[in-house]
All heavy atoms as atom14 arrays in JSON, in Angstrom:
{
  "sequence": "SVKGRFTISRDNAKNTVYLQMNSLKPEDTAVYYCNLRMYLGSRYDYWG",
  "atom14_mask": [
    [1, 1, 1, 1, 1, 1, 0, 0, 0, 0, 0, 0, 0, 0],
    [1, 1, 1, 1, 1, 1, 1, 0, 0, 0, 0, 0, 0, 0],
    [1, 1, 1, 1, 1, 1, 1, 1, 1, 0, 0, 0, 0, 0],
    [1, 1, 1, 1, 0, 0, 0, 0, 0, 0, 0, 0, 0, 0],
    [1, 1, 1, 1, 1, 1, 1, 1, 1, 1, 1, 0, 0, 0],
    [1, 1, 1, 1, 1, 1, 1, 1, 1, 1, 1, 0, 0, 0],
    [1, 1, 1, 1, 1, 1, 1, 0, 0, 0, 0, 0, 0, 0],
    [1, 1, 1, 1, 1, 1, 1, 1, 0, 0, 0, 0, 0, 0],
    [1, 1, 1, 1, 1, 1, 0, 0, 0, 0, 0, 0, 0, 0],
    [1, 1, 1, 1, 1, 1, 1, 1, 1, 1, 1, 0, 0, 0],
    [1, 1, 1, 1, 1, 1, 1, 1, 0, 0, 0, 0, 0, 0],
    [1, 1, 1, 1, 1, 1, 1, 1, 0, 0, 0, 0, 0, 0],
    [1, 1, 1, 1, 1, 0, 0, 0, 0, 0, 0, 0, 0, 0],
    [1, 1, 1, 1, 1, 1, 1, 1, 1, 0, 0, 0, 0, 0],
    [1, 1, 1, 1, 1, 1, 1, 1, 0, 0, 0, 0, 0, 0],
    [1, 1, 1, 1, 1, 1, 1, 0, 0, 0, 0, 0, 0, 0],
    [1, 1, 1, 1, 1, 1, 1, 0, 0, 0, 0, 0, 0, 0],
    [1, 1, 1, 1, 1, 1, 1, 1, 1, 1, 1, 1, 0, 0],
    [1, 1, 1, 1, 1, 1, 1, 1, 0, 0, 0, 0, 0, 0],
    [1, 1, 1, 1, 1, 1, 1, 1, 1, 0, 0, 0, 0, 0],
    [1, 1, 1, 1, 1, 1, 1, 1, 0, 0, 0, 0, 0, 0],
    [1, 1, 1, 1, 1, 1, 1, 1, 0, 0, 0, 0, 0, 0],
    [1, 1, 1, 1, 1, 1, 0, 0, 0, 0, 0, 0, 0, 0],
    [1, 1, 1, 1, 1, 1, 1, 1, 0, 0, 0, 0, 0, 0],
    [1, 1, 1, 1, 1, 1, 1, 1, 1, 0, 0, 0, 0, 0],
    [1, 1, 1, 1, 1, 1, 1, 0, 0, 0, 0, 0, 0, 0],
    [1, 1, 1, 1, 1, 1, 1, 1, 1, 0, 0, 0, 0, 0],
    [1, 1, 1, 1, 1, 1, 1, 1, 0, 0, 0, 0, 0, 0],
    [1, 1, 1, 1, 1, 1, 1, 0, 0, 0, 0, 0, 0, 0],
    [1, 1, 1, 1, 1, 0, 0, 0, 0, 0, 0, 0, 0, 0],
    [1, 1, 1, 1, 1, 1, 1, 0, 0, 0, 0, 0, 0, 0],
    [1, 1, 1, 1, 1, 1, 1, 1, 1, 1, 1, 1, 0, 0],
    [1, 1, 1, 1, 1, 1, 1, 1, 1, 1, 1, 1, 0, 0],
    [1, 1, 1, 1, 1, 1, 0, 0, 0, 0, 0, 0, 0, 0],
    [1, 1, 1, 1, 1, 1, 1, 1, 0, 0, 0, 0, 0, 0],
    [1, 1, 1, 1, 1, 1, 1, 1, 0, 0, 0, 0, 0, 0],
    [1, 1, 1, 1, 1, 1, 1, 1, 1, 1, 1, 0, 0, 0],
    [1, 1, 1, 1, 1, 1, 1, 1, 0, 0, 0, 0, 0, 0],
    [1, 1, 1, 1, 1, 1, 1, 1, 1, 1, 1, 1, 0, 0],
    [1, 1, 1, 1, 1, 1, 1, 1, 0, 0, 0, 0, 0, 0],
    [1, 1, 1, 1, 0, 0, 0, 0, 0, 0, 0, 0, 0, 0],
    [1, 1, 1, 1, 1, 1, 0, 0, 0, 0, 0, 0, 0, 0],
    [1, 1, 1, 1, 1, 1, 1, 1, 1, 1, 1, 0, 0, 0],
    [1, 1, 1, 1, 1, 1, 1, 1, 1, 1, 1, 1, 0, 0],
    [1, 1, 1, 1, 1, 1, 1, 1, 0, 0, 0, 0, 0, 0],
    [1, 1, 1, 1, 1, 1, 1, 1, 1, 1, 1, 1, 0, 0],
    [1, 1, 1, 1, 1, 1, 1, 1, 1, 1, 1, 1, 1, 1],
    [1, 1, 1, 1, 0, 0, 0, 0, 0, 0, 0, 0, 0, 0]
  ],
  "atom14_positions": [
    [[2.94, -7.71, 24.24], [1.7, -7.62, 24.93], [0.76, -8.73, 24.79], [-0.28, -8.82, 25.57], [1.06, -6.24, 24.55], [0.73, -6.25, 23.11], [0.0, 0.0, 0.0], [0.0, 0.0, 0.0], [0.0, 0.0, 0.0], [0.0, 0.0, 0.0], [0.0, 0.0, 0.0], [0.0, 0.0, 0.0], [0.0, 0.0, 0.0], [0.0, 0.0, 0.0]],
    [[0.92, -9.59, 23.74], [0.04, -10.7, 23.53], [0.62, -12.02, 23.66], [-0.15, -12.98, 23.48], [-0.64, -10.48, 22.01], [-1.31, -9.21, 21.93], [0.32, -10.75, 21.04], [0.0, 0.0, 0.0], [0.0, 0.0, 0.0], [0.0, 0.0, 0.0], [0.0, 0.0, 0.0], [0.0, 0.0, 0.0], [0.0, 0.0, 0.0], [0.0, 0.0, 0.0]],
    [[1.87, -12.16, 23.9], [2.64, -13.34, 23.97], [1.93, -14.23, 25.16], [1.62, -13.64, 26.23], [4.04, -13.17, 24.31], [4.86, -12.78, 23.1], [6.35, -12.57, 23.41], [7.1, -12.16, 22.19], [8.63, -11.89, 22.55], [0.0, 0.0, 0.0], [0.0, 0.0, 0.0], [0.0, 0.0, 0.0], [0.0, 0.0, 0.0], [0.0, 0.0, 0.0]],
    [[1.74, -15.46, 24.81], [1.01, -16.32, 25.81], [-0.43, -16.29, 25.81], [-1.07, -17.23, 26.37], [0.0, 0.0, 0.0], [0.0, 0.0, 0.0], [0.0, 0.0, 0.0], [0.0, 0.0, 0.0], [0.0, 0.0, 0.0], [0.0, 0.0, 0.0], [0.0, 0.0, 0.0], [0.0, 0.0, 0.0], [0.0, 0.0, 0.0], [0.0, 0.0, 0.0]],
    [[-1.0, -15.33, 25.1], [-2.55, -15.21, 24.98], [-3.05, -15.42, 23.65], [-4.11, -15.99, 23.38], [-2.9, -13.85, 25.52], [-2.49, -13.56, 27.0], [-3.18, -12.32, 27.55], [-2.72, -11.15, 26.76], [-3.65, -10.31, 26.13], [-4.86, -10.55, 25.99], [-3.09, -9.19, 25.43], [0.0, 0.0, 0.0], [0.0, 0.0, 0.0], [0.0, 0.0, 0.0]],
    [[-2.26, -14.98, 22.56], [-2.73, -15.0, 21.26], [-1.91, -16.06, 20.48], [-0.67, -16.27, 20.8], [-2.54, -13.66, 20.47], [-3.49, -12.59, 20.95], [-4.23, -12.74, 22.13], [-3.59, -11.35, 20.26], [-5.1, -11.72, 22.5], [-4.35, -10.32, 20.68], [-5.15, -10.55, 21.75], [0.0, 0.0, 0.0], [0.0, 0.0, 0.0], [0.0, 0.0, 0.0]],
    [[-2.56, -16.64, 19.46], [-1.89, -17.59, 18.7], [-2.11, -17.4, 17.16], [-3.37, -17.38, 16.88], [-2.15, -19.05, 19.04], [-1.83, -19.33, 20.38], [-1.45, -20.06, 18.12], [0.0, 0.0, 0.0], [0.0, 0.0, 0.0], [0.0, 0.0, 0.0], [0.0, 0.0, 0.0], [0.0, 0.0, 0.0], [0.0, 0.0, 0.0], [0.0, 0.0, 0.0]],
    [[-1.21, -17.19, 16.39], [-1.36, -17.08, 14.95], [-1.12, -18.3, 14.18], [-0.2, -19.09, 14.65], [-0.56, -15.95, 14.4], [-1.0, -15.59, 12.94], [0.93, -16.2, 14.49], [-0.33, -14.34, 12.35], [0.0, 0.0, 0.0], [0.0, 0.0, 0.0], [0.0, 0.0, 0.0], [0.0, 0.0, 0.0], [0.0, 0.0, 0.0], [0.0, 0.0, 0.0]],
    [[-1.93, -18.69, 13.24], [-1.66, -19.83, 12.45], [-2.18, -19.56, 11.0], [-2.84, -18.57, 10.7], [-2.47, -21.1, 12.98], [-3.83, -20.82, 13.09], [0.0, 0.0, 0.0], [0.0, 0.0, 0.0], [0.0, 0.0, 0.0], [0.0, 0.0, 0.0], [0.0, 0.0, 0.0], [0.0, 0.0, 0.0], [0.0, 0.0, 0.0], [0.0, 0.0, 0.0]],
    [[-1.83, -20.55, 10.08], [-2.33, -20.4, 8.62], [-2.51, -21.71, 8.01], [-2.05, -22.68, 8.44], [-1.26, -19.54, 7.89], [0.14, -20.15, 7.75], [1.09, -19.19, 7.02], [0.7, -18.97, 5.7], [1.19, -17.93, 4.95], [2.09, -17.11, 5.44], [0.89, -17.87, 3.71], [0.0, 0.0, 0.0], [0.0, 0.0, 0.0], [0.0, 0.0, 0.0]],
    [[-3.32, -21.61, 6.98], [-3.56, -22.72, 6.1], [-3.05, -22.34, 4.66], [-3.73, -21.51, 4.08], [-5.1, -23.1, 6.14], [-5.37, -24.31, 5.27], [-4.67, -24.52, 4.29], [-6.42, -24.98, 5.57], [0.0, 0.0, 0.0], [0.0, 0.0, 0.0], [0.0, 0.0, 0.0], [0.0, 0.0, 0.0], [0.0, 0.0, 0.0], [0.0, 0.0, 0.0]],
    [[-1.94, -22.77, 4.32], [-1.36, -22.39, 3.05], [-2.17, -22.68, 1.87], [-2.14, -21.91, 0.83], [0.04, -22.93, 2.95], [1.06, -22.32, 3.92], [0.86, -21.22, 4.42], [2.24, -23.02, 4.06], [0.0, 0.0, 0.0], [0.0, 0.0, 0.0], [0.0, 0.0, 0.0], [0.0, 0.0, 0.0], [0.0, 0.0, 0.0], [0.0, 0.0, 0.0]],
    [[-2.86, -23.87, 1.91], [-3.71, -24.22, 0.81], [-4.85, -23.29, 0.58], [-5.3, -23.19, -0.54], [-4.16, -25.66, 1.03], [0.0, 0.0, 0.0], [0.0, 0.0, 0.0], [0.0, 0.0, 0.0], [0.0, 0.0, 0.0], [0.0, 0.0, 0.0], [0.0, 0.0, 0.0], [0.0, 0.0, 0.0], [0.0, 0.0, 0.0], [0.0, 0.0, 0.0]],
    [[-5.33, -22.72, 1.57], [-6.46, -21.72, 1.48], [-6.06, -20.32, 1.63], [-6.85, -19.35, 1.4], [-7.48, -22.03, 2.63], [-8.11, -23.37, 2.6], [-9.08, -23.65, 3.69], [-9.75, -24.96, 3.62], [-10.74, -25.15, 4.79], [0.0, 0.0, 0.0], [0.0, 0.0, 0.0], [0.0, 0.0, 0.0], [0.0, 0.0, 0.0], [0.0, 0.0, 0.0]],
    [[-4.67, -20.05, 1.64], [-4.2, -18.71, 1.95], [-4.99, -18.02, 3.03], [-5.35, -16.85, 2.8], [-4.27, -17.96, 0.54], [-3.13, -18.45, -0.35], [-1.97, -18.54, 0.01], [-3.46, -18.54, -1.6], [0.0, 0.0, 0.0], [0.0, 0.0, 0.0], [0.0, 0.0, 0.0], [0.0, 0.0, 0.0], [0.0, 0.0, 0.0], [0.0, 0.0, 0.0]],
    [[-5.19, -18.61, 4.06], [-5.94, -18.1, 5.2], [-5.13, -18.04, 6.5], [-4.31, -19.07, 6.8], [-7.14, -18.97, 5.49], [-8.07, -18.95, 4.34], [-8.03, -18.41, 6.59], [0.0, 0.0, 0.0], [0.0, 0.0, 0.0], [0.0, 0.0, 0.0], [0.0, 0.0, 0.0], [0.0, 0.0, 0.0], [0.0, 0.0, 0.0], [0.0, 0.0, 0.0]],
    [[-5.29, -16.93, 7.21], [-4.51, -16.79, 8.48], [-5.56, -16.59, 9.61], [-6.63, -16.02, 9.33], [-3.54, -15.57, 8.38], [-4.33, -14.25, 8.13], [-2.74, -15.52, 9.67], [0.0, 0.0, 0.0], [0.0, 0.0, 0.0], [0.0, 0.0, 0.0], [0.0, 0.0, 0.0], [0.0, 0.0, 0.0], [0.0, 0.0, 0.0], [0.0, 0.0, 0.0]],
    [[-5.22, -17.14, 10.7], [-6.18, -17.07, 11.91], [-5.51, -16.43, 13.11], [-4.23, -16.45, 13.14], [-6.55, -18.5, 12.27], [-7.16, -19.28, 11.21], [-6.38, -20.18, 10.46], [-8.54, -19.28, 10.96], [-6.89, -20.92, 9.4], [-9.07, -19.98, 9.94], [-8.25, -20.83, 9.12], [-8.89, -21.57, 8.16], [0.0, 0.0, 0.0], [0.0, 0.0, 0.0]],
    [[-6.2, -15.8, 13.97], [-5.7, -15.32, 15.22], [-6.58, -15.79, 16.28], [-7.76, -15.2, 16.44], [-5.62, -13.79, 15.14], [-4.95, -13.18, 16.34], [-3.46, -13.54, 16.38], [-5.04, -11.64, 16.32], [0.0, 0.0, 0.0], [0.0, 0.0, 0.0], [0.0, 0.0, 0.0], [0.0, 0.0, 0.0], [0.0, 0.0, 0.0], [0.0, 0.0, 0.0]],
    [[-6.09, -16.6, 17.05], [-6.87, -17.14, 18.25], [-6.45, -16.2, 19.43], [-5.29, -16.14, 19.83], [-6.54, -18.61, 18.63], [-7.28, -19.13, 19.86], [-8.74, -19.18, 19.65], [-9.21, -19.72, 18.65], [-9.43, -18.71, 20.58], [0.0, 0.0, 0.0], [0.0, 0.0, 0.0], [0.0, 0.0, 0.0], [0.0, 0.0, 0.0], [0.0, 0.0, 0.0]],
    [[-7.42, -15.56, 19.99], [-7.22, -14.62, 21.1], [-7.85, -15.12, 22.31], [-9.09, -15.19, 22.42], [-7.77, -13.24, 20.68], [-7.17, -12.63, 19.43], [-7.75, -10.92, 19.08], [-9.54, -11.34, 18.79], [0.0, 0.0, 0.0], [0.0, 0.0, 0.0], [0.0, 0.0, 0.0], [0.0, 0.0, 0.0], [0.0, 0.0, 0.0], [0.0, 0.0, 0.0]],
    [[-7.1, -15.4, 23.36], [-7.55, -15.83, 24.68], [-7.2, -14.79, 25.72], [-6.33, -13.95, 25.57], [-6.98, -17.22, 24.98], [-7.34, -18.38, 23.96], [-8.37, -18.27, 23.37], [-6.35, -19.18, 23.77], [0.0, 0.0, 0.0], [0.0, 0.0, 0.0], [0.0, 0.0, 0.0], [0.0, 0.0, 0.0], [0.0, 0.0, 0.0], [0.0, 0.0, 0.0]],
    [[-7.89, -14.97, 26.96], [-7.58, -14.18, 28.01], [-7.64, -12.67, 27.67], [-6.68, -11.85, 28.06], [-6.3, -14.43, 28.7], [-6.2, -15.82, 29.04], [0.0, 0.0, 0.0], [0.0, 0.0, 0.0], [0.0, 0.0, 0.0], [0.0, 0.0, 0.0], [0.0, 0.0, 0.0], [0.0, 0.0, 0.0], [0.0, 0.0, 0.0], [0.0, 0.0, 0.0]],
    [[-8.62, -12.33, 26.88], [-8.67, -10.94, 26.38], [-8.78, -9.84, 27.46], [-9.51, -10.09, 28.41], [-9.87, -10.83, 25.39], [-9.56, -11.35, 24.04], [-10.9, -11.68, 23.31], [-8.67, -10.48, 23.18], [0.0, 0.0, 0.0], [0.0, 0.0, 0.0], [0.0, 0.0, 0.0], [0.0, 0.0, 0.0], [0.0, 0.0, 0.0], [0.0, 0.0, 0.0]],
    [[-8.17, -8.78, 27.2], [-8.2, -7.64, 28.12], [-8.81, -6.38, 27.42], [-8.86, -6.28, 26.21], [-6.77, -7.28, 28.48], [-5.98, -8.44, 29.14], [-4.48, -8.11, 29.44], [-3.75, -9.24, 29.97], [-2.32, -8.86, 30.27], [0.0, 0.0, 0.0], [0.0, 0.0, 0.0], [0.0, 0.0, 0.0], [0.0, 0.0, 0.0], [0.0, 0.0, 0.0]],
    [[-9.27, -5.42, 28.25], [-9.82, -4.24, 27.64], [-8.9, -3.47, 26.78], [-9.22, -2.89, 25.7], [-10.12, -3.3, 28.91], [-10.51, -4.37, 29.9], [-9.53, -5.47, 29.63], [0.0, 0.0, 0.0], [0.0, 0.0, 0.0], [0.0, 0.0, 0.0], [0.0, 0.0, 0.0], [0.0, 0.0, 0.0], [0.0, 0.0, 0.0], [0.0, 0.0, 0.0]],
    [[-7.53, -3.6, 27.01], [-6.54, -2.89, 26.24], [-6.36, -3.58, 24.87], [-5.62, -3.06, 23.97], [-5.26, -2.73, 26.98], [-4.78, -4.01, 27.6], [-5.07, -4.11, 29.09], [-6.24, -3.88, 29.5], [-4.18, -4.54, 29.8], [0.0, 0.0, 0.0], [0.0, 0.0, 0.0], [0.0, 0.0, 0.0], [0.0, 0.0, 0.0], [0.0, 0.0, 0.0]],
    [[-6.98, -4.75, 24.66], [-6.97, -5.49, 23.41], [-8.05, -4.83, 22.44], [-8.0, -5.17, 21.26], [-7.18, -6.87, 23.46], [-6.14, -7.65, 24.24], [-4.9, -7.36, 23.98], [-6.4, -8.56, 25.1], [0.0, 0.0, 0.0], [0.0, 0.0, 0.0], [0.0, 0.0, 0.0], [0.0, 0.0, 0.0], [0.0, 0.0, 0.0], [0.0, 0.0, 0.0]],
    [[-8.86, -4.01, 22.92], [-9.82, -3.36, 22.16], [-9.21, -2.48, 21.05], [-8.38, -1.62, 21.21], [-10.79, -2.5, 22.96], [-11.48, -3.29, 23.9], [-11.82, -1.71, 22.06], [0.0, 0.0, 0.0], [0.0, 0.0, 0.0], [0.0, 0.0, 0.0], [0.0, 0.0, 0.0], [0.0, 0.0, 0.0], [0.0, 0.0, 0.0], [0.0, 0.0, 0.0]],
    [[-9.65, -2.81, 19.72], [-9.06, -2.16, 18.63], [-9.65, -2.67, 17.32], [-10.38, -3.66, 17.34], [-7.43, -2.45, 18.44], [0.0, 0.0, 0.0], [0.0, 0.0, 0.0], [0.0, 0.0, 0.0], [0.0, 0.0, 0.0], [0.0, 0.0, 0.0], [0.0, 0.0, 0.0], [0.0, 0.0, 0.0], [0.0, 0.0, 0.0], [0.0, 0.0, 0.0]],
    [[-9.33, -2.02, 16.21], [-9.75, -2.51, 14.91], [-8.54, -3.37, 14.51], [-7.38, -2.97, 14.42], [-9.95, -1.4, 13.9], [-10.27, -2.11, 12.45], [-11.16, -0.6, 14.29], [0.0, 0.0, 0.0], [0.0, 0.0, 0.0], [0.0, 0.0, 0.0], [0.0, 0.0, 0.0], [0.0, 0.0, 0.0], [0.0, 0.0, 0.0], [0.0, 0.0, 0.0]],
    [[-8.79, -4.64, 14.06], [-7.74, -5.53, 13.79], [-7.73, -5.66, 12.2], [-8.81, -5.95, 11.51], [-7.97, -6.98, 14.36], [-7.62, -7.0, 15.82], [-8.39, -6.24, 16.84], [-6.49, -7.68, 16.32], [-7.97, -6.28, 18.08], [-6.18, -7.69, 17.64], [-6.93, -6.97, 18.56], [-6.54, -6.97, 19.89], [0.0, 0.0, 0.0], [0.0, 0.0, 0.0]],
    [[-6.48, -5.58, 11.69], [-6.44, -5.7, 10.22], [-5.48, -6.79, 9.84], [-4.47, -7.02, 10.43], [-5.78, -4.38, 9.71], [-6.52, -3.06, 9.88], [-6.44, -2.31, 11.04], [-7.52, -2.69, 8.99], [-7.12, -1.17, 11.21], [-8.18, -1.58, 9.2], [-8.05, -0.8, 10.29], [-8.78, 0.36, 10.5], [0.0, 0.0, 0.0], [0.0, 0.0, 0.0]],
    [[-5.87, -7.51, 8.8], [-5.16, -8.51, 8.21], [-4.24, -7.96, 7.15], [-4.56, -7.04, 6.36], [-6.08, -9.69, 7.62], [-5.23, -10.97, 6.8], [0.0, 0.0, 0.0], [0.0, 0.0, 0.0], [0.0, 0.0, 0.0], [0.0, 0.0, 0.0], [0.0, 0.0, 0.0], [0.0, 0.0, 0.0], [0.0, 0.0, 0.0], [0.0, 0.0, 0.0]],
    [[-2.97, -8.46, 7.11], [-1.97, -7.95, 6.08], [-1.31, -9.15, 5.32], [-1.07, -10.2, 5.97], [-0.91, -7.26, 6.8], [0.23, -6.86, 5.83], [1.23, -7.64, 5.82], [0.15, -5.82, 5.2], [0.0, 0.0, 0.0], [0.0, 0.0, 0.0], [0.0, 0.0, 0.0], [0.0, 0.0, 0.0], [0.0, 0.0, 0.0], [0.0, 0.0, 0.0]],
    [[-1.21, -9.09, 4.0], [-0.45, -10.03, 3.23], [0.72, -9.33, 2.57], [0.48, -8.25, 1.89], [-1.43, -10.72, 2.2], [-0.78, -11.52, 1.13], [-0.16, -12.77, 1.62], [-1.84, -11.92, 0.04], [0.0, 0.0, 0.0], [0.0, 0.0, 0.0], [0.0, 0.0, 0.0], [0.0, 0.0, 0.0], [0.0, 0.0, 0.0], [0.0, 0.0, 0.0]],
    [[1.83, -9.86, 2.77], [3.04, -9.25, 2.18], [3.68, -10.24, 1.15], [3.99, -11.29, 1.69], [3.96, -8.82, 3.25], [5.32, -8.29, 2.78], [6.08, -7.62, 3.9], [5.37, -6.37, 4.39], [5.74, -5.76, 5.45], [6.85, -6.12, 6.18], [5.1, -4.61, 5.84], [0.0, 0.0, 0.0], [0.0, 0.0, 0.0], [0.0, 0.0, 0.0]],
    [[4.02, -9.76, 0.04], [4.72, -10.61, -1.01], [5.96, -9.85, -1.49], [5.9, -8.64, -1.58], [3.76, -10.97, -2.1], [2.59, -11.82, -1.65], [1.57, -12.38, -3.1], [0.99, -10.76, -3.79], [0.0, 0.0, 0.0], [0.0, 0.0, 0.0], [0.0, 0.0, 0.0], [0.0, 0.0, 0.0], [0.0, 0.0, 0.0], [0.0, 0.0, 0.0]],
    [[6.96, -10.53, -1.9], [8.02, -10.06, -2.6], [8.21, -10.49, -4.07], [8.4, -11.74, -4.31], [9.38, -10.42, -1.83], [9.28, -9.88, -0.4], [8.8, -10.64, 0.69], [9.9, -8.73, -0.11], [8.78, -10.15, 1.96], [9.92, -8.22, 1.33], [9.32, -8.92, 2.15], [9.34, -8.47, 3.49], [0.0, 0.0, 0.0], [0.0, 0.0, 0.0]],
    [[7.85, -9.64, -4.95], [7.97, -9.91, -6.27], [8.96, -8.92, -7.13], [8.55, -8.17, -7.96], [6.48, -9.9, -7.02], [5.57, -10.85, -6.39], [4.15, -10.62, -6.93], [5.93, -12.36, -6.76], [0.0, 0.0, 0.0], [0.0, 0.0, 0.0], [0.0, 0.0, 0.0], [0.0, 0.0, 0.0], [0.0, 0.0, 0.0], [0.0, 0.0, 0.0]],
    [[10.13, -8.93, -6.63], [11.03, -7.99, -7.06], [10.99, -6.73, -6.04], [12.04, -6.25, -5.68], [0.0, 0.0, 0.0], [0.0, 0.0, 0.0], [0.0, 0.0, 0.0], [0.0, 0.0, 0.0], [0.0, 0.0, 0.0], [0.0, 0.0, 0.0], [0.0, 0.0, 0.0], [0.0, 0.0, 0.0], [0.0, 0.0, 0.0], [0.0, 0.0, 0.0]],
    [[9.73, -6.32, -5.9], [9.46, -5.24, -4.85], [8.49, -5.83, -3.79], [7.98, -6.93, -3.97], [8.9, -4.04, -5.44], [9.81, -3.41, -6.45], [0.0, 0.0, 0.0], [0.0, 0.0, 0.0], [0.0, 0.0, 0.0], [0.0, 0.0, 0.0], [0.0, 0.0, 0.0], [0.0, 0.0, 0.0], [0.0, 0.0, 0.0], [0.0, 0.0, 0.0]],
    [[8.48, -5.13, -2.64], [7.5, -5.59, -1.61], [6.11, -5.12, -1.9], [5.93, -3.91, -2.27], [7.96, -5.11, -0.23], [7.17, -5.59, 0.92], [7.69, -5.01, 2.17], [7.13, -3.63, 2.33], [7.56, -2.78, 3.36], [8.36, -3.28, 4.3], [7.02, -1.61, 3.36], [0.0, 0.0, 0.0], [0.0, 0.0, 0.0], [0.0, 0.0, 0.0]],
    [[5.11, -5.91, -1.8], [3.79, -5.6, -1.91], [2.96, -5.98, -0.68], [3.0, -7.05, -0.25], [3.18, -6.32, -3.16], [3.82, -5.87, -4.44], [4.89, -6.55, -5.0], [3.27, -4.84, -5.21], [5.44, -6.18, -6.2], [3.84, -4.51, -6.47], [4.88, -5.14, -6.82], [5.45, -4.76, -8.04], [0.0, 0.0, 0.0], [0.0, 0.0, 0.0]],
    [[2.18, -5.09, -0.25], [1.33, -5.14, 0.86], [-0.19, -5.01, 0.55], [-0.53, -4.08, -0.09], [1.64, -4.17, 2.07], [2.96, -4.53, 2.71], [2.99, -5.42, 3.67], [3.98, -3.84, 2.44], [0.0, 0.0, 0.0], [0.0, 0.0, 0.0], [0.0, 0.0, 0.0], [0.0, 0.0, 0.0], [0.0, 0.0, 0.0], [0.0, 0.0, 0.0]],
    [[-0.88, -5.9, 1.1], [-2.35, -5.83, 0.92], [-3.05, -5.98, 2.27], [-2.58, -6.64, 3.15], [-2.88, -7.08, -0.02], [-2.15, -7.03, -1.39], [-1.03, -7.75, -1.62], [-2.69, -6.34, -2.41], [-0.36, -7.64, -2.8], [-2.11, -6.29, -3.6], [-0.9, -6.95, -3.83], [-0.26, -6.88, -5.11], [0.0, 0.0, 0.0], [0.0, 0.0, 0.0]],
    [[-4.23, -5.24, 2.36], [-4.84, -5.16, 3.65], [-6.31, -5.55, 3.61], [-6.93, -5.28, 2.62], [-4.81, -3.72, 4.17], [-3.37, -3.26, 4.5], [-2.45, -2.69, 3.63], [-2.62, -3.38, 5.64], [-1.27, -2.43, 4.15], [-1.42, -2.83, 5.49], [-2.97, -3.8, 6.94], [-0.43, -2.81, 6.5], [-2.07, -3.82, 7.98], [-0.8, -3.28, 7.84]],
    [[-6.8, -6.14, 4.65], [-8.2, -6.32, 4.8], [-8.87, -5.05, 5.28], [-8.32, -4.09, 5.5], [0.0, 0.0, 0.0], [0.0, 0.0, 0.0], [0.0, 0.0, 0.0], [0.0, 0.0, 0.0], [0.0, 0.0, 0.0], [0.0, 0.0, 0.0], [0.0, 0.0, 0.0], [0.0, 0.0, 0.0], [0.0, 0.0, 0.0], [0.0, 0.0, 0.0]]
  ]
}
């Protein structure tokens, strides 16, 4: 639903992720959550 409109990128040095959203539509309305996933023997998920 967002291909061609949204672009995700990251800065590894800052551990920062970005989401550029263009051509926004009413159906894009939502609460957006950031997720970080790591594997340290087990999977760990962290949320904004």
